[in-house]
Amino acid sequence: MPVTIRFATVDDIPAFVEVGRPVGWIIGTMERQFYSDLPVASVIHFGVVPGRRMSGVGLRLLMAFRQWAKNRGAFELNAGVSSGVEMDRMGRFFKRLGFRLTGGNYAMMLRLDLSMAIG
């Protein structure tokens, strides 16, 4: 399936927002790593609300971020899955887009009492 990459415009808002609520989001950064002088773009957080998954929203968000990074001279784009949710599906999604598996994510619980973290 051919993909056209372009910057988002005001006309694209309905694809990412329904009744004033976002249906997908992406937060990313670009930086030089300590081991290289080449700039690397990284997806920090990426998500689509459950009811809109598999609708193309995630693909459009990721492709827009990819273009943003390319336009700024990124050498590589990194993305990870740290939620532990739908790992196989997310792996297939990223591999279809040309990503390769380069490592893994590990998590350590630091606080069992979540009441202190809220509010």
C-alpha atoms as a PDB file:
ATOM      1  CA  MET A   1       0.000   0.000   0.000  1.00  0.00           C
ATOM      2  CA  PRO A   2       1.624   3.313  -1.055  1.00  0.00           C
ATOM      3  CA  VAL A   3       1.991   5.902   1.700  1.00  0.00           C
ATOM      4  CA  THR A   4       2.192   9.625   1.024  1.00  0.00           C
ATOM      5  CA  ILE A   5       4.132  11.514   3.692  1.00  0.00           C
ATOM      6  CA  ARG A   6       3.437  15.177   4.283  1.00  0.00           C
ATOM      7  CA  PHE A   7       3.092  17.637   7.141  1.00  0.00           C
ATOM      8  CA  ALA A   8      -0.235  17.649   8.957  1.00  0.00           C
ATOM      9  CA  THR A   9      -2.561  20.564   8.254  1.00  0.00           C
ATOM     10  CA  VAL A  10      -5.675  21.951   9.915  1.00  0.00           C
ATOM     11  CA  ASP A  11      -7.697  19.778   7.513  1.00  0.00           C
ATOM     12  CA  ASP A  12      -6.201  16.672   9.172  1.00  0.00           C
ATOM     13  CA  ILE A  13      -7.631  17.429  12.617  1.00  0.00           C
ATOM     14  CA  PRO A  14     -10.766  15.265  12.091  1.00  0.00           C
ATOM     15  CA  ALA A  15      -8.511  12.226  11.558  1.00  0.00           C
ATOM     16  CA  PHE A  16      -6.978  12.644  15.025  1.00  0.00           C
ATOM     17  CA  VAL A  17      -9.804  14.221  17.034  1.00  0.00           C
ATOM     18  CA  GLU A  18     -13.405  13.120  17.498  1.00  0.00           C
ATOM     19  CA  VAL A  19     -15.927  15.329  19.285  1.00  0.00           C
ATOM     20  CA  GLY A  20     -13.099  17.453  20.675  1.00  0.00           C
ATOM     21  CA  ARG A  21     -11.144  14.495  22.112  1.00  0.00           C
ATOM     22  CA  PRO A  22      -7.819  13.232  20.754  1.00  0.00           C
ATOM     23  CA  VAL A  23      -7.873   9.700  19.324  1.00  0.00           C
ATOM     24  CA  GLY A  24      -4.098   9.416  18.989  1.00  0.00           C
ATOM     25  CA  TRP A  25      -0.925  11.099  20.147  1.00  0.00           C
ATOM     26  CA  ILE A  26       2.810  10.974  19.688  1.00  0.00           C
ATOM     27  CA  ILE A  27       5.588  12.607  21.683  1.00  0.00           C
ATOM     28  CA  GLY A  28       9.102  12.458  20.343  1.00  0.00           C
ATOM     29  CA  THR A  29      12.489  14.074  20.448  1.00  0.00           C
ATOM     30  CA  MET A  30      15.642  14.379  18.428  1.00  0.00           C
ATOM     31  CA  GLU A  31      19.090  14.470  20.000  1.00  0.00           C
ATOM     32  CA  ARG A  32      22.684  13.450  19.560  1.00  0.00           C
ATOM     33  CA  GLN A  33      23.566  10.359  21.546  1.00  0.00           C
ATOM     34  CA  PHE A  34      26.750  10.216  23.608  1.00  0.00           C
ATOM     35  CA  TYR A  35      28.111   7.462  21.367  1.00  0.00           C
ATOM     36  CA  SER A  36      27.640   9.290  18.054  1.00  0.00           C
ATOM     37  CA  ASP A  37      27.597  12.730  16.485  1.00  0.00           C
ATOM     38  CA  LEU A  38      24.630  11.738  14.333  1.00  0.00           C
ATOM     39  CA  PRO A  39      21.174  12.995  15.407  1.00  0.00           C
ATOM     40  CA  VAL A  40      18.708  10.287  16.414  1.00  0.00           C
ATOM     41  CA  ALA A  41      14.931  10.739  16.666  1.00  0.00           C
ATOM     42  CA  SER A  42      13.076   8.798  19.350  1.00  0.00           C
ATOM     43  CA  VAL A  43       9.403   8.183  19.989  1.00  0.00           C
ATOM     44  CA  ILE A  44       8.903   8.764  23.706  1.00  0.00           C
ATOM     45  CA  HIS A  45       5.175   8.084  23.888  1.00  0.00           C
ATOM     46  CA  PHE A  46       2.806   6.896  21.182  1.00  0.00           C
ATOM     47  CA  GLY A  47      -0.776   5.787  21.498  1.00  0.00           C
ATOM     48  CA  VAL A  48      -4.207   5.446  19.928  1.00  0.00           C
ATOM     49  CA  VAL A  49      -7.434   5.116  21.912  1.00  0.00           C
ATOM     50  CA  PRO A  50      -8.698   1.494  21.869  1.00  0.00           C
ATOM     51  CA  GLY A  51     -11.742   2.207  19.709  1.00  0.00           C
ATOM     52  CA  ARG A  52      -9.598   3.710  16.930  1.00  0.00           C
ATOM     53  CA  ARG A  53      -6.761   1.189  16.820  1.00  0.00           C
ATOM     54  CA  MET A  54      -6.214  -0.424  13.409  1.00  0.00           C
ATOM     55  CA  SER A  55      -7.904   2.577  11.746  1.00  0.00           C
ATOM     56  CA  GLY A  56      -4.736   4.141  10.369  1.00  0.00           C
ATOM     57  CA  VAL A  57      -4.448   6.848  13.037  1.00  0.00           C
ATOM     58  CA  GLY A  58      -1.261   5.342  14.493  1.00  0.00           C
ATOM     59  CA  LEU A  59       0.293   4.914  11.075  1.00  0.00           C
ATOM     60  CA  ARG A  60      -0.408   8.536  10.151  1.00  0.00           C
ATOM     61  CA  LEU A  61       1.029   9.799  13.444  1.00  0.00           C
ATOM     62  CA  LEU A  62       4.189   7.733  13.139  1.00  0.00           C
ATOM     63  CA  MET A  63       4.705   8.679   9.487  1.00  0.00           C
ATOM     64  CA  ALA A  64       4.263  12.369  10.318  1.00  0.00           C
ATOM     65  CA  PHE A  65       6.872  12.072  13.085  1.00  0.00           C
ATOM     66  CA  ARG A  66       9.184  10.179  10.731  1.00  0.00           C
ATOM     67  CA  GLN A  67       8.951  13.006   8.192  1.00  0.00           C
ATOM     68  CA  TRP A  68       9.506  15.607  10.931  1.00  0.00           C
ATOM     69  CA  ALA A  69      12.684  13.766  11.959  1.00  0.00           C
ATOM     70  CA  LYS A  70      13.920  13.347   8.363  1.00  0.00           C
ATOM     71  CA  ASN A  71      13.355  17.049   7.678  1.00  0.00           C
ATOM     72  CA  ARG A  72      15.634  17.828  10.635  1.00  0.00           C
ATOM     73  CA  GLY A  73      18.413  15.505   9.501  1.00  0.00           C
ATOM     74  CA  ALA A  74      17.849  12.515  11.795  1.00  0.00           C
ATOM     75  CA  PHE A  75      20.058   9.549  11.000  1.00  0.00           C
ATOM     76  CA  GLU A  76      17.801   7.016  12.729  1.00  0.00           C
ATOM     77  CA  LEU A  77      14.343   6.741  14.270  1.00  0.00           C
ATOM     78  CA  ASN A  78      13.872   4.658  17.419  1.00  0.00           C
ATOM     79  CA  ALA A  79      10.606   3.495  18.942  1.00  0.00           C
ATOM     80  CA  GLY A  80       9.941   1.036  21.760  1.00  0.00           C
ATOM     81  CA  VAL A  81       6.997  -0.695  23.349  1.00  0.00           C
ATOM     82  CA  SER A  82       7.061  -0.305  27.119  1.00  0.00           C
ATOM     83  CA  SER A  83       3.396  -0.875  27.958  1.00  0.00           C
ATOM     84  CA  GLY A  84       3.541  -4.646  27.630  1.00  0.00           C
ATOM     85  CA  VAL A  85       0.205  -4.436  25.772  1.00  0.00           C
ATOM     86  CA  GLU A  86      -0.245  -6.220  22.423  1.00  0.00           C
ATOM     87  CA  MET A  87       3.497  -6.794  22.073  1.00  0.00           C
ATOM     88  CA  ASP A  88       3.199  -9.174  19.098  1.00  0.00           C
ATOM     89  CA  ARG A  89       0.882  -6.830  17.201  1.00  0.00           C
ATOM     90  CA  MET A  90       3.092  -3.816  17.857  1.00  0.00           C
ATOM     91  CA  GLY A  91       6.162  -5.788  16.780  1.00  0.00           C
ATOM     92  CA  ARG A  92       4.514  -6.684  13.466  1.00  0.00           C
ATOM     93  CA  PHE A  93       3.388  -3.056  13.007  1.00  0.00           C
ATOM     94  CA  PHE A  94       6.899  -1.661  13.504  1.00  0.00           C
ATOM     95  CA  LYS A  95       8.555  -4.347  11.353  1.00  0.00           C
ATOM     96  CA  ARG A  96       6.124  -3.678   8.470  1.00  0.00           C
ATOM     97  CA  LEU A  97       7.243  -0.048   8.585  1.00  0.00           C
ATOM     98  CA  GLY A  98      10.903  -1.012   8.322  1.00  0.00           C
ATOM     99  CA  PHE A  99      11.953  -0.964  11.982  1.00  0.00           C
ATOM    100  CA  ARG A 100      14.216  -3.719  13.279  1.00  0.00           C
ATOM    101  CA  LEU A 101      14.331  -5.091  16.807  1.00  0.00           C
ATOM    102  CA  THR A 102      17.464  -3.768  18.523  1.00  0.00           C
ATOM    103  CA  GLY A 103      16.908  -4.445  22.229  1.00  0.00           C
ATOM    104  CA  GLY A 104      14.184  -4.491  24.833  1.00  0.00           C
ATOM    105  CA  ASN A 105      12.546  -2.540  27.644  1.00  0.00           C
ATOM    106  CA  TYR A 106      12.698  -3.414  31.325  1.00  0.00           C
ATOM    107  CA  ALA A 107      10.636  -1.906  34.144  1.00  0.00           C
ATOM    108  CA  MET A 108      11.039  -1.897  37.924  1.00  0.00           C
ATOM    109  CA  MET A 109       8.218  -1.039  40.340  1.00  0.00           C
ATOM    110  CA  LEU A 110       9.374   1.758  42.652  1.00  0.00           C
ATOM    111  CA  ARG A 111       6.168   2.459  44.539  1.00  0.00           C
ATOM    112  CA  LEU A 112       3.382   0.074  45.462  1.00  0.00           C
ATOM    113  CA  ASP A 113       1.192   2.761  47.073  1.00  0.00           C
ATOM    114  CA  LEU A 114      -0.132   4.748  44.101  1.00  0.00           C
ATOM    115  CA  SER A 115      -2.157   7.114  46.318  1.00  0.00           C
ATOM    116  CA  MET A 116       1.019   9.136  46.906  1.00  0.00           C
ATOM    117  CA  ALA A 117       1.556   9.557  43.162  1.00  0.00           C
ATOM    118  CA  ILE A 118      -1.917  10.914  42.429  1.00  0.00           C
ATOM    119  CA  GLY A 119      -2.931  14.456  43.248  1.00  0.00           C
END
